[in-house]
C-alpha atoms as a PDB file:
ATOM      1  CA  MET A   1     112.587 145.304 122.207  1.00  0.00           C
ATOM      2  CA  THR A   2     110.002 144.243 124.749  1.00  0.00           C
ATOM      3  CA  PRO A   3     110.555 141.375 127.063  1.00  0.00           C
ATOM      4  CA  LEU A   4     108.169 138.716 126.410  1.00  0.00           C
ATOM      5  CA  THR A   5     106.068 137.969 129.259  1.00  0.00           C
ATOM      6  CA  LEU A   6     106.006 133.978 130.489  1.00  0.00           C
ATOM      7  CA  ASP A   7     102.634 132.432 131.374  1.00  0.00           C
ATOM      8  CA  ALA A   8     103.620 130.282 134.372  1.00  0.00           C
ATOM      9  CA  ALA A   9     100.845 128.263 134.706  1.00  0.00           C
ATOM     10  CA  ARG A  10     101.084 127.335 130.676  1.00  0.00           C
ATOM     11  CA  ALA A  11     103.969 126.684 130.873  1.00  0.00           C
ATOM     12  CA  GLU A  12     104.115 124.601 133.812  1.00  0.00           C
ATOM     13  CA  ALA A  13     101.046 122.701 131.884  1.00  0.00           C
ATOM     14  CA  PHE A  14     103.349 121.639 128.864  1.00  0.00           C
ATOM     15  CA  ALA A  15     106.268 120.782 130.732  1.00  0.00           C
ATOM     16  CA  GLU A  16     103.586 118.055 132.588  1.00  0.00           C
ATOM     17  CA  ARG A  17     102.471 117.645 128.864  1.00  0.00           C
ATOM     18  CA  MET A  18     106.083 116.364 127.746  1.00  0.00           C
ATOM     19  CA  LEU A  19     106.650 114.633 131.270  1.00  0.00           C
ATOM     20  CA  THR A  20     103.200 112.520 129.624  1.00  0.00           C
ATOM     21  CA  ALA A  21     104.788 112.052 126.061  1.00  0.00           C
ATOM     22  CA  VAL A  22     107.946 110.469 127.610  1.00  0.00           C
ATOM     23  CA  ASN A  23     106.371 107.640 129.451  1.00  0.00           C
ATOM     24  CA  GLU A  24     103.514 107.128 127.094  1.00  0.00           C
ATOM     25  CA  SER A  25     106.386 106.678 124.651  1.00  0.00           C
ATOM     26  CA  SER A  26     108.390 104.301 126.651  1.00  0.00           C
ATOM     27  CA  ILE A  27     105.366 102.418 126.975  1.00  0.00           C
ATOM     28  CA  VAL A  28     104.780 102.033 123.188  1.00  0.00           C
ATOM     29  CA  LEU A  29     108.650 100.474 122.968  1.00  0.00           C
ATOM     30  CA  MET A  30     107.901  98.301 125.690  1.00  0.00           C
ATOM     31  CA  THR A  31     104.140  97.839 124.099  1.00  0.00           C
ATOM     32  CA  SER A  32     106.823  96.682 120.999  1.00  0.00           C
ATOM     33  CA  ILE A  33     109.233  94.573 122.856  1.00  0.00           C
ATOM     34  CA  GLY A  34     105.336  92.516 124.461  1.00  0.00           C
ATOM     35  CA  HIS A  35     104.222  91.753 120.968  1.00  0.00           C
ATOM     36  CA  ARG A  36     107.534  90.435 119.510  1.00  0.00           C
ATOM     37  CA  THR A  37     108.548  88.575 122.473  1.00  0.00           C
ATOM     38  CA  GLY A  38     104.721  87.472 122.835  1.00  0.00           C
ATOM     39  CA  LEU A  39     104.470  88.341 125.974  1.00  0.00           C
ATOM     40  CA  PHE A  40     100.734  89.805 125.554  1.00  0.00           C
ATOM     41  CA  ASP A  41      99.466  86.667 123.897  1.00  0.00           C
ATOM     42  CA  ALA A  42     101.289  84.866 126.788  1.00  0.00           C
ATOM     43  CA  LEU A  43      99.568  86.696 129.404  1.00  0.00           C
ATOM     44  CA  ALA A  44      96.277  87.129 127.819  1.00  0.00           C
ATOM     45  CA  GLY A  45      93.816  84.324 129.757  1.00  0.00           C
ATOM     46  CA  MET A  46      96.690  83.371 132.091  1.00  0.00           C
ATOM     47  CA  PRO A  47      95.730  83.493 135.587  1.00  0.00           C
ATOM     48  CA  PRO A  48      97.433  85.818 137.949  1.00  0.00           C
ATOM     49  CA  ALA A  49     101.323  84.643 137.939  1.00  0.00           C
ATOM     50  CA  THR A  50     104.727  85.288 138.899  1.00  0.00           C
ATOM     51  CA  SER A  51     107.250  86.717 136.615  1.00  0.00           C
ATOM     52  CA  GLU A  52     108.907  83.502 136.871  1.00  0.00           C
ATOM     53  CA  THR A  53     105.440  81.616 135.769  1.00  0.00           C
ATOM     54  CA  VAL A  54     105.123  84.098 133.062  1.00  0.00           C
ATOM     55  CA  ALA A  55     108.699  83.779 131.711  1.00  0.00           C
ATOM     56  CA  GLU A  56     108.590  80.053 131.586  1.00  0.00           C
ATOM     57  CA  SER A  57     105.221  80.120 129.865  1.00  0.00           C
ATOM     58  CA  ALA A  58     106.554  82.290 126.999  1.00  0.00           C
ATOM     59  CA  GLY A  59     109.987  80.377 127.248  1.00  0.00           C
ATOM     60  CA  LEU A  60     111.584  83.953 128.172  1.00  0.00           C
ATOM     61  CA  VAL A  61     114.453  84.733 130.331  1.00  0.00           C
ATOM     62  CA  GLU A  62     112.726  85.548 133.772  1.00  0.00           C
ATOM     63  CA  ARG A  63     115.022  88.759 134.641  1.00  0.00           C
ATOM     64  CA  TYR A  64     113.792  90.624 131.330  1.00  0.00           C
ATOM     65  CA  VAL A  65     110.320  88.967 131.750  1.00  0.00           C
ATOM     66  CA  ARG A  66     109.794  91.213 134.967  1.00  0.00           C
ATOM     67  CA  GLU A  67     111.194  94.124 134.575  1.00  0.00           C
ATOM     68  CA  TRP A  68     109.140  94.853 131.589  1.00  0.00           C
ATOM     69  CA  LEU A  69     106.484  93.614 133.541  1.00  0.00           C
ATOM     70  CA  ASN A  70     107.489  96.144 136.016  1.00  0.00           C
ATOM     71  CA  ALA A  71     106.960  98.690 133.015  1.00  0.00           C
ATOM     72  CA  MET A  72     103.541  97.642 132.161  1.00  0.00           C
ATOM     73  CA  VAL A  73     102.544  97.974 135.423  1.00  0.00           C
ATOM     74  CA  VAL A  74     103.384 101.326 136.046  1.00  0.00           C
ATOM     75  CA  GLY A  75     102.490 102.201 132.783  1.00  0.00           C
ATOM     76  CA  GLY A  76      98.920 100.587 133.255  1.00  0.00           C
ATOM     77  CA  VAL A  77      98.681  98.239 131.044  1.00  0.00           C
ATOM     78  CA  VAL A  78      99.386  95.102 133.385  1.00  0.00           C
ATOM     79  CA  GLU A  79      97.989  95.018 137.148  1.00  0.00           C
ATOM     80  CA  TYR A  80     100.119  93.665 140.281  1.00  0.00           C
ATOM     81  CA  THR A  81      99.271  91.981 143.278  1.00  0.00           C
ATOM     82  CA  PRO A  82     101.878  93.167 146.002  1.00  0.00           C
ATOM     83  CA  GLU A  83     100.882  90.722 148.752  1.00  0.00           C
ATOM     84  CA  THR A  84     101.392  87.496 146.003  1.00  0.00           C
ATOM     85  CA  GLY A  85     103.912  88.779 143.562  1.00  0.00           C
ATOM     86  CA  HIS A  86     100.948  88.016 140.965  1.00  0.00           C
ATOM     87  CA  TYR A  87     100.608  90.068 137.856  1.00  0.00           C
ATOM     88  CA  THR A  88      97.713  89.915 135.363  1.00  0.00           C
ATOM     89  CA  LEU A  89      96.612  91.571 131.767  1.00  0.00           C
ATOM     90  CA  PRO A  90      93.157  92.569 132.282  1.00  0.00           C
ATOM     91  CA  PRO A  91      91.017  90.906 129.577  1.00  0.00           C
ATOM     92  CA  GLU A  92      90.107  94.503 128.583  1.00  0.00           C
ATOM     93  CA  HIS A  93      93.569  95.017 127.632  1.00  0.00           C
ATOM     94  CA  ALA A  94      94.605  92.019 125.957  1.00  0.00           C
ATOM     95  CA  ALA A  95      91.181  92.390 123.505  1.00  0.00           C
ATOM     96  CA  CYS A  96      93.905  95.218 121.402  1.00  0.00           C
ATOM     97  CA  LEU A  97      97.145  93.692 122.379  1.00  0.00           C
ATOM     98  CA  THR A  98      97.357  90.401 121.415  1.00  0.00           C
ATOM     99  CA  ARG A  99      97.513  88.392 118.343  1.00  0.00           C
ATOM    100  CA  LYS A 100      94.117  86.884 118.204  1.00  0.00           C
ATOM    101  CA  ALA A 101      92.905  90.258 118.563  1.00  0.00           C
ATOM    102  CA  ASP A 102      90.522  92.200 115.593  1.00  0.00           C
ATOM    103  CA  GLU A 103      92.827  94.991 115.856  1.00  0.00           C
ATOM    104  CA  ASN A 104      96.231  94.546 117.567  1.00  0.00           C
ATOM    105  CA  LEU A 105      97.544  97.749 118.243  1.00  0.00           C
ATOM    106  CA  ALA A 106     100.687  96.370 120.181  1.00  0.00           C
ATOM    107  CA  GLN A 107     102.077  95.083 116.456  1.00  0.00           C
ATOM    108  CA  MET A 108     101.399  98.689 114.941  1.00  0.00           C
ATOM    109  CA  ALA A 109     103.871  99.840 118.093  1.00  0.00           C
ATOM    110  CA  GLN A 110     107.009  98.543 116.310  1.00  0.00           C
ATOM    111  CA  TRP A 111     106.369 101.334 113.940  1.00  0.00           C
ATOM    112  CA  LEU A 112     108.304 103.766 116.503  1.00  0.00           C
ATOM    113  CA  PRO A 113     111.508 101.700 117.659  1.00  0.00           C
ATOM    114  CA  LEU A 114     111.383 101.057 113.948  1.00  0.00           C
ATOM    115  CA  LEU A 115     111.634 104.165 112.612  1.00  0.00           C
ATOM    116  CA  SER A 116     114.470 105.255 115.840  1.00  0.00           C
ATOM    117  CA  THR A 117     116.745 103.581 114.218  1.00  0.00           C
ATOM    118  CA  VAL A 118     117.326 105.721 111.477  1.00  0.00           C
ATOM    119  CA  GLU A 119     116.812 108.340 113.712  1.00  0.00           C
ATOM    120  CA  ASN A 120     120.906 109.846 113.015  1.00  0.00           C
ATOM    121  CA  LYS A 121     120.334 109.624 109.401  1.00  0.00           C
ATOM    122  CA  VAL A 122     117.089 111.746 109.202  1.00  0.00           C
ATOM    123  CA  VAL A 123     118.707 113.903 111.505  1.00  0.00           C
ATOM    124  CA  ASP A 124     121.731 114.409 108.832  1.00  0.00           C
ATOM    125  CA  CYS A 125     119.578 115.322 106.328  1.00  0.00           C
ATOM    126  CA  PHE A 126     117.844 118.102 108.049  1.00  0.00           C
ATOM    127  CA  ARG A 127     121.082 119.195 108.276  1.00  0.00           C
ATOM    128  CA  GLU A 128     122.501 118.391 104.556  1.00  0.00           C
ATOM    129  CA  GLY A 129     119.386 117.446 102.886  1.00  0.00           C
ATOM    130  CA  GLY A 130     118.401 114.340 100.543  1.00  0.00           C
ATOM    131  CA  GLY A 131     116.966 111.145 102.427  1.00  0.00           C
ATOM    132  CA  VAL A 132     116.533 107.793 103.881  1.00  0.00           C
ATOM    133  CA  ASP A 133     116.799 105.213 101.246  1.00  0.00           C
ATOM    134  CA  TYR A 134     114.306 101.894 102.026  1.00  0.00           C
ATOM    135  CA  SER A 135     117.639  99.877 102.450  1.00  0.00           C
ATOM    136  CA  GLU A 136     118.300 101.519 105.562  1.00  0.00           C
ATOM    137  CA  PHE A 137     114.854 100.040 107.399  1.00  0.00           C
ATOM    138  CA  GLU A 138     115.521  97.303 109.601  1.00  0.00           C
ATOM    139  CA  ARG A 139     112.663  94.751 109.681  1.00  0.00           C
ATOM    140  CA  PHE A 140     110.664  97.346 107.409  1.00  0.00           C
ATOM    141  CA  HIS A 141     108.218  94.694 105.393  1.00  0.00           C
ATOM    142  CA  GLU A 142     108.288  92.568 107.998  1.00  0.00           C
ATOM    143  CA  VAL A 143     106.252  95.125 110.227  1.00  0.00           C
ATOM    144  CA  MET A 144     104.729  95.941 107.092  1.00  0.00           C
ATOM    145  CA  ALA A 145     103.169  92.982 106.453  1.00  0.00           C
ATOM    146  CA  ALA A 146     101.864  93.008 110.050  1.00  0.00           C
ATOM    147  CA  GLU A 147     100.509  96.314 109.141  1.00  0.00           C
ATOM    148  CA  SER A 148      98.813  95.267 105.596  1.00  0.00           C
ATOM    149  CA  ASP A 149      97.202  92.356 107.774  1.00  0.00           C
ATOM    150  CA  ASN A 150      95.596  94.448 110.394  1.00  0.00           C
ATOM    151  CA  THR A 151      94.201  97.348 108.322  1.00  0.00           C
ATOM    152  CA  VAL A 152      94.329  95.312 104.774  1.00  0.00           C
ATOM    153  CA  VAL A 153      93.841  91.201 104.309  1.00  0.00           C
ATOM    154  CA  GLY A 154      91.487  91.145 107.477  1.00  0.00           C
ATOM    155  CA  ALA A 155      89.142  93.562 106.184  1.00  0.00           C
ATOM    156  CA  LEU A 156      89.783  92.999 102.163  1.00  0.00           C
ATOM    157  CA  LEU A 157      87.044  90.430 101.237  1.00  0.00           C
ATOM    158  CA  GLU A 158      84.013  91.387 103.778  1.00  0.00           C
ATOM    159  CA  HIS A 159      84.504  95.411 103.913  1.00  0.00           C
ATOM    160  CA  ILE A 160      87.152  97.241 101.329  1.00  0.00           C
ATOM    161  CA  LEU A 161      86.172  94.912  97.919  1.00  0.00           C
ATOM    162  CA  PRO A 162      82.508  95.803  98.420  1.00  0.00           C
ATOM    163  CA  LEU A 163      83.273  99.660  98.489  1.00  0.00           C
ATOM    164  CA  ALA A 164      83.567  99.147  94.709  1.00  0.00           C
ATOM    165  CA  PRO A 165      80.597  98.253  92.922  1.00  0.00           C
ATOM    166  CA  ASP A 166      79.989  94.719  90.882  1.00  0.00           C
ATOM    167  CA  VAL A 167      83.835  93.886  91.375  1.00  0.00           C
ATOM    168  CA  VAL A 168      83.475  91.166  93.574  1.00  0.00           C
ATOM    169  CA  GLU A 169      81.073  89.849  90.835  1.00  0.00           C
ATOM    170  CA  ARG A 170      83.996  90.390  88.263  1.00  0.00           C
ATOM    171  CA  LEU A 171      86.139  88.767  90.722  1.00  0.00           C
ATOM    172  CA  GLU A 172      84.237  85.566  90.459  1.00  0.00           C
ATOM    173  CA  ARG A 173      83.627  85.316  86.764  1.00  0.00           C
ATOM    174  CA  GLY A 174      87.514  85.925  86.287  1.00  0.00           C
ATOM    175  CA  ILE A 175      89.409  89.204  85.337  1.00  0.00           C
ATOM    176  CA  ASP A 176      92.787  90.585  85.521  1.00  0.00           C
ATOM    177  CA  VAL A 177      93.855  92.312  88.468  1.00  0.00           C
ATOM    178  CA  LEU A 178      97.268  94.129  89.206  1.00  0.00           C
ATOM    179  CA  GLU A 179      98.437  95.474  92.377  1.00  0.00           C
ATOM    180  CA  VAL A 180     101.350  97.892  92.751  1.00  0.00           C
ATOM    181  CA  GLY A 181     103.971  97.721  95.562  1.00  0.00           C
ATOM    182  CA  CYS A 182     102.284  94.243  96.944  1.00  0.00           C
ATOM    183  CA  GLY A 183     105.355  94.171  99.234  1.00  0.00           C
ATOM    184  CA  ARG A 184     105.044  90.407 100.753  1.00  0.00           C
ATOM    185  CA  GLY A 185     101.678  90.359  98.898  1.00  0.00           C
ATOM    186  CA  ARG A 186     100.069  89.075 101.579  1.00  0.00           C
ATOM    187  CA  ALA A 187      96.430  90.751  99.888  1.00  0.00           C
ATOM    188  CA  LEU A 188      97.336  89.650  96.460  1.00  0.00           C
ATOM    189  CA  ASN A 189      98.037  85.958  97.857  1.00  0.00           C
ATOM    190  CA  LEU A 190      94.204  86.173  99.805  1.00  0.00           C
ATOM    191  CA  LEU A 191      92.234  87.003  96.565  1.00  0.00           C
ATOM    192  CA  ALA A 192      93.889  84.529  94.578  1.00  0.00           C
ATOM    193  CA  ARG A 193      92.877  81.627  96.707  1.00  0.00           C
ATOM    194  CA  THR A 194      89.194  83.009  97.391  1.00  0.00           C
ATOM    195  CA  PHE A 195      88.626  83.790  93.200  1.00  0.00           C
ATOM    196  CA  PRO A 196      90.376  80.911  91.016  1.00  0.00           C
ATOM    197  CA  ARG A 197      89.258  82.091  87.680  1.00  0.00           C
ATOM    198  CA  SER A 198      91.021  85.827  88.141  1.00  0.00           C
ATOM    199  CA  ARG A 199      94.628  86.297  87.435  1.00  0.00           C
ATOM    200  CA  PHE A 200      96.300  88.694  89.234  1.00  0.00           C
ATOM    201  CA  LEU A 201      99.871  89.804  88.901  1.00  0.00           C
ATOM    202  CA  GLY A 202     102.145  91.985  92.161  1.00  0.00           C
ATOM    203  CA  TYR A 203     104.794  94.193  91.247  1.00  0.00           C
ATOM    204  CA  ASP A 204     107.423  95.511  94.276  1.00  0.00           C
ATOM    205  CA  PHE A 205     110.716  96.787  93.810  1.00  0.00           C
ATOM    206  CA  ASN A 206     112.026  94.887  96.752  1.00  0.00           C
ATOM    207  CA  ARG A 207     113.675  91.418  96.155  1.00  0.00           C
ATOM    208  CA  GLU A 208     113.308  90.347  99.415  1.00  0.00           C
ATOM    209  CA  ALA A 209     109.150  91.263  99.729  1.00  0.00           C
ATOM    210  CA  VAL A 210     108.584  89.597  96.180  1.00  0.00           C
ATOM    211  CA  GLU A 211     110.901  86.507  97.026  1.00  0.00           C
ATOM    212  CA  TYR A 212     108.140  85.930 100.279  1.00  0.00           C
ATOM    213  CA  ALA A 213     105.564  86.703  98.406  1.00  0.00           C
ATOM    214  CA  ARG A 214     106.358  84.062  95.560  1.00  0.00           C
ATOM    215  CA  GLY A 215     106.714  81.886  98.862  1.00  0.00           C
ATOM    216  CA  GLU A 216     103.658  82.785  99.867  1.00  0.00           C
ATOM    217  CA  ALA A 217     102.021  81.473  96.610  1.00  0.00           C
ATOM    218  CA  ASN A 218     102.743  78.429  96.882  1.00  0.00           C
ATOM    219  CA  GLY A 219     102.899  77.531  93.363  1.00  0.00           C
ATOM    220  CA  ARG A 220      99.373  78.932  92.521  1.00  0.00           C
ATOM    221  CA  ASP A 221      98.958  79.493  88.736  1.00  0.00           C
ATOM    222  CA  ASN A 222      96.690  82.082  88.711  1.00  0.00           C
ATOM    223  CA  ILE A 223      99.643  84.756  90.320  1.00  0.00           C
ATOM    224  CA  GLU A 224     102.808  85.945  89.658  1.00  0.00           C
ATOM    225  CA  PHE A 225     104.803  88.392  91.755  1.00  0.00           C
ATOM    226  CA  VAL A 226     107.404  90.338  89.699  1.00  0.00           C
ATOM    227  CA  MET A 227     110.286  93.207  90.257  1.00  0.00           C
ATOM    228  CA  GLN A 228     109.177  96.211  89.236  1.00  0.00           C
ATOM    229  CA  ASP A 229     109.602 100.021  89.447  1.00  0.00           C
ATOM    230  CA  ALA A 230     106.296 101.211  89.493  1.00  0.00           C
ATOM    231  CA  THR A 231     107.239 103.897  87.538  1.00  0.00           C
ATOM    232  CA  LYS A 232     107.860 102.066  84.760  1.00  0.00           C
ATOM    233  CA  ILE A 233     104.471 100.118  84.003  1.00  0.00           C
ATOM    234  CA  ALA A 234     104.320  99.537  80.291  1.00  0.00           C
ATOM    235  CA  GLU A 235     101.382  98.078  80.364  1.00  0.00           C
ATOM    236  CA  GLU A 236      97.908  99.812  78.567  1.00  0.00           C
ATOM    237  CA  ASP A 237      94.645  98.614  79.166  1.00  0.00           C
ATOM    238  CA  ALA A 238      95.673  95.556  80.459  1.00  0.00           C
ATOM    239  CA  TYR A 239      93.778  95.075  83.953  1.00  0.00           C
ATOM    240  CA  ASP A 240      90.094  95.415  84.676  1.00  0.00           C
ATOM    241  CA  LEU A 241      91.132  96.383  88.209  1.00  0.00           C
ATOM    242  CA  VAL A 242      94.341  97.688  90.186  1.00  0.00           C
ATOM    243  CA  LEU A 243      94.864  97.832  93.720  1.00  0.00           C
ATOM    244  CA  ALA A 244      97.473 100.428  95.511  1.00  0.00           C
ATOM    245  CA  PHE A 245      97.468  99.462  98.882  1.00  0.00           C
ATOM    246  CA  ASP A 246      99.302 102.233 101.027  1.00  0.00           C
ATOM    247  CA  ALA A 247     101.658 102.436  98.402  1.00  0.00           C
ATOM    248  CA  ILE A 248     101.430 105.707  96.596  1.00  0.00           C
ATOM    249  CA  HIS A 249     102.336 108.389  98.532  1.00  0.00           C
ATOM    250  CA  ASP A 250     106.069 107.460  99.272  1.00  0.00           C
ATOM    251  CA  GLN A 251     106.853 106.720  95.468  1.00  0.00           C
ATOM    252  CA  ILE A 252     109.363 108.541  94.236  1.00  0.00           C
ATOM    253  CA  ASP A 253     107.238 109.825  91.078  1.00  0.00           C
ATOM    254  CA  PRO A 254     103.763 109.303  91.832  1.00  0.00           C
ATOM    255  CA  ALA A 255     101.976 111.573  89.413  1.00  0.00           C
ATOM    256  CA  ARG A 256     104.101 109.366  86.855  1.00  0.00           C
ATOM    257  CA  VAL A 257     103.371 105.766  88.878  1.00  0.00           C
ATOM    258  CA  LEU A 258      99.416 107.319  88.772  1.00  0.00           C
ATOM    259  CA  ALA A 259      99.641 107.836  85.036  1.00  0.00           C
ATOM    260  CA  GLY A 260     101.145 104.236  83.801  1.00  0.00           C
ATOM    261  CA  ILE A 261      98.300 102.508  86.959  1.00  0.00           C
ATOM    262  CA  ARG A 262      95.499 105.035  84.656  1.00  0.00           C
ATOM    263  CA  ARG A 263      97.127 103.669  81.166  1.00  0.00           C
ATOM    264  CA  ALA A 264      96.988 100.021  82.306  1.00  0.00           C
ATOM    265  CA  THR A 265      93.863 100.341  83.515  1.00  0.00           C
ATOM    266  CA  ARG A 266      91.131  99.787  81.372  1.00  0.00           C
ATOM    267  CA  LEU A 267      88.158 101.701  80.361  1.00  0.00           C
ATOM    268  CA  ASP A 268      85.551  99.605  82.212  1.00  0.00           C
ATOM    269  CA  GLY A 269      88.019  98.933  84.733  1.00  0.00           C
ATOM    270  CA  MET A 270      88.737 100.264  88.511  1.00  0.00           C
ATOM    271  CA  PHE A 271      91.698 102.128  90.181  1.00  0.00           C
ATOM    272  CA  LEU A 272      91.793 101.059  93.754  1.00  0.00           C
ATOM    273  CA  MET A 273      93.823 103.180  95.947  1.00  0.00           C
ATOM    274  CA  GLN A 274      94.167 102.605  99.586  1.00  0.00           C
ATOM    275  CA  ASP A 275      96.109 105.532 101.643  1.00  0.00           C
ATOM    276  CA  ILE A 276      96.078 107.871 104.764  1.00  0.00           C
ATOM    277  CA  ARG A 277      93.050 109.603 105.595  1.00  0.00           C
ATOM    278  CA  ALA A 278      94.221 113.063 105.995  1.00  0.00           C
ATOM    279  CA  SER A 279      93.906 116.599 104.902  1.00  0.00           C
ATOM    280  CA  SER A 280      96.707 118.117 102.565  1.00  0.00           C
ATOM    281  CA  HIS A 281      95.904 121.178 105.207  1.00  0.00           C
ATOM    282  CA  VAL A 282      98.075 120.884 108.811  1.00  0.00           C
ATOM    283  CA  GLN A 283      94.990 122.902 110.488  1.00  0.00           C
ATOM    284  CA  GLU A 284      92.214 120.614 109.327  1.00  0.00           C
ATOM    285  CA  ASN A 285      94.613 117.900 111.288  1.00  0.00           C
ATOM    286  CA  LEU A 286      94.495 118.997 114.121  1.00  0.00           C
ATOM    287  CA  ASP A 287      91.578 116.871 115.754  1.00  0.00           C
ATOM    288  CA  HIS A 288      93.078 113.752 113.795  1.00  0.00           C
ATOM    289  CA  PRO A 289      93.171 110.931 116.419  1.00  0.00           C
ATOM    290  CA  LEU A 290      96.297 109.936 114.994  1.00  0.00           C
ATOM    291  CA  GLY A 291      97.689 113.423 113.347  1.00  0.00           C
ATOM    292  CA  PRO A 292     101.115 113.661 115.718  1.00  0.00           C
ATOM    293  CA  PHE A 293     102.060 109.936 114.370  1.00  0.00           C
ATOM    294  CA  LEU A 294     101.524 110.327 110.674  1.00  0.00           C
ATOM    295  CA  TYR A 295     103.793 113.345 110.700  1.00  0.00           C
ATOM    296  CA  THR A 296     106.122 111.022 112.393  1.00  0.00           C
ATOM    297  CA  ILE A 297     106.166 108.394 110.163  1.00  0.00           C
ATOM    298  CA  SER A 298     106.377 110.640 107.390  1.00  0.00           C
ATOM    299  CA  CYS A 299     109.205 112.539 108.470  1.00  0.00           C
ATOM    300  CA  THR A 300     111.366 109.541 109.305  1.00  0.00           C
ATOM    301  CA  HIS A 301     110.114 107.228 106.823  1.00  0.00           C
ATOM    302  CA  CYS A 302     107.228 108.061 104.225  1.00  0.00           C
ATOM    303  CA  MET A 303     108.779 111.836 102.666  1.00  0.00           C
ATOM    304  CA  THR A 304     112.545 110.588 103.420  1.00  0.00           C
ATOM    305  CA  VAL A 305     112.638 107.316 100.822  1.00  0.00           C
ATOM    306  CA  SER A 306     111.466 109.361  98.064  1.00  0.00           C
ATOM    307  CA  LEU A 307     114.132 111.957  98.988  1.00  0.00           C
ATOM    308  CA  ALA A 308     116.805 109.739  98.875  1.00  0.00           C
ATOM    309  CA  ASN A 309     116.043 109.321  95.303  1.00  0.00           C
ATOM    310  CA  ASP A 310     115.498 112.764  94.369  1.00  0.00           C
ATOM    311  CA  GLY A 311     111.683 112.184  94.694  1.00  0.00           C
ATOM    312  CA  ALA A 312     108.364 114.141  95.277  1.00  0.00           C
ATOM    313  CA  GLY A 313     108.775 113.520  98.643  1.00  0.00           C
ATOM    314  CA  LEU A 314     104.729 113.717  99.296  1.00  0.00           C
ATOM    315  CA  GLY A 315     105.041 112.682 102.868  1.00  0.00           C
ATOM    316  CA  THR A 316     102.359 110.792 104.831  1.00  0.00           C
ATOM    317  CA  CYS A 317      99.636 113.020 104.790  1.00  0.00           C
ATOM    318  CA  TRP A 318      99.910 114.435 101.237  1.00  0.00           C
ATOM    319  CA  GLY A 319      96.207 114.220 102.065  1.00  0.00           C
ATOM    320  CA  GLU A 320      92.441 113.768 100.071  1.00  0.00           C
ATOM    321  CA  GLU A 321      92.359 116.893  98.482  1.00  0.00           C
ATOM    322  CA  LEU A 322      95.688 116.167  96.781  1.00  0.00           C
ATOM    323  CA  ALA A 323      95.133 112.997  95.973  1.00  0.00           C
ATOM    324  CA  VAL A 324      91.713 113.335  94.124  1.00  0.00           C
ATOM    325  CA  GLU A 325      93.613 116.237  92.371  1.00  0.00           C
ATOM    326  CA  MET A 326      96.619 114.092  91.191  1.00  0.00           C
ATOM    327  CA  LEU A 327      94.119 111.029  90.428  1.00  0.00           C
ATOM    328  CA  ARG A 328      92.475 113.331  87.909  1.00  0.00           C
ATOM    329  CA  ASP A 329      95.482 114.766  86.677  1.00  0.00           C
ATOM    330  CA  ALA A 330      96.561 110.743  85.993  1.00  0.00           C
ATOM    331  CA  GLY A 331      93.336 111.094  83.921  1.00  0.00           C
ATOM    332  CA  PHE A 332      90.653 109.251  86.088  1.00  0.00           C
ATOM    333  CA  ARG A 333      87.438 111.312  84.895  1.00  0.00           C
ATOM    334  CA  GLU A 334      85.776 109.205  88.236  1.00  0.00           C
ATOM    335  CA  VAL A 335      87.438 109.683  92.235  1.00  0.00           C
ATOM    336  CA  ASP A 336      84.909 108.308  94.650  1.00  0.00           C
ATOM    337  CA  VAL A 337      86.328 109.031  97.997  1.00  0.00           C
ATOM    338  CA  ARG A 338      84.695 106.313 100.571  1.00  0.00           C
ATOM    339  CA  ARG A 339      85.316 105.460 104.601  1.00  0.00           C
ATOM    340  CA  LEU A 340      85.057 102.292 106.721  1.00  0.00           C
ATOM    341  CA  ASP A 341      83.256 103.043 110.091  1.00  0.00           C
ATOM    342  CA  HIS A 342      86.015 101.025 111.984  1.00  0.00           C
ATOM    343  CA  ASP A 343      89.295 102.068 109.561  1.00  0.00           C
ATOM    344  CA  ILE A 344      90.158 105.456 111.591  1.00  0.00           C
ATOM    345  CA  ILE A 345      93.489 105.618 109.672  1.00  0.00           C
ATOM    346  CA  ASN A 346      92.822 105.491 105.665  1.00  0.00           C
ATOM    347  CA  ASN A 347      90.605 106.378 103.027  1.00  0.00           C
ATOM    348  CA  TYR A 348      89.552 103.798  99.857  1.00  0.00           C
ATOM    349  CA  TYR A 349      89.609 106.028  96.445  1.00  0.00           C
ATOM    350  CA  LEU A 350      87.481 104.726  93.688  1.00  0.00           C
ATOM    351  CA  ALA A 351      88.998 105.785  90.103  1.00  0.00           C
ATOM    352  CA  ARG A 352      87.542 105.086  86.645  1.00  0.00           C
ATOM    353  CA  GLY A 353      88.891 106.525  84.003  1.00  0.00           C
END
């Protein structure tokens, strides 16, 4: 055998890249903690302050706050003045790290520590097959609801609904709407409040999510949430608008779900599906700004929760090509793919029968 020739410069460059990855991953974990504890919110707009002042403002233990601050300093997130012992969160950083931000990237950082809680179980799946069930993921619906606030709820009225011709006018007049995989119901509850003449139904298989959504509905009479297996949608020609936000690719039987949605959608109705913007071909995702994240969340959540129930295991990056093909196979004759300038992670599919 011919011995391999090692390119020393390439090896060194890759080692440096991996060290950078470890450091950046550490910042992600600390960013998640900063979000959950409210430290970013406390620091935003605060004048330069000591760790004691920051801890008091946030209602937290100073020793932990100081260590977190120091991690943020060496990570380039927080600035430090050694002469005074003061910490500062630059406004340019606060602009994407607080709950008041237009797009709070700190809440997105919660995904990696959440997914790491099932690492051992996923490793077992590599050896034994199968998958990790939804029930194993702590805080999933809490984090998913926060993600929905970022990507769906905040953009729903101004950006997403206008993608579909005449849908706003029809909602104002009064139509029947179904959301499949509604989770905690943030989007559907917003629609029910905004369009009181329309009727809204949300399906989700998770009891905790459905109960939360019902509580948020607060007795409103034009909305209902039901525990329902999405593969068993029985209605036919029942809805003018069907919605699915980031809910199809991790289904056990996505083809059956899409076929059920098609049957439930009236001939003059529409299915509006938000799903991950990616190609079905890995080589086309090399320049995707969130490529590593998407395949990681797929391996440790979206794919594995489907495989846990002997499902299709499409994964997060099932891709635009396969999504369009499956929509057409389900019976939708017209499929239009739209994108929003501010949304780098999602496609919006407008499908008609």
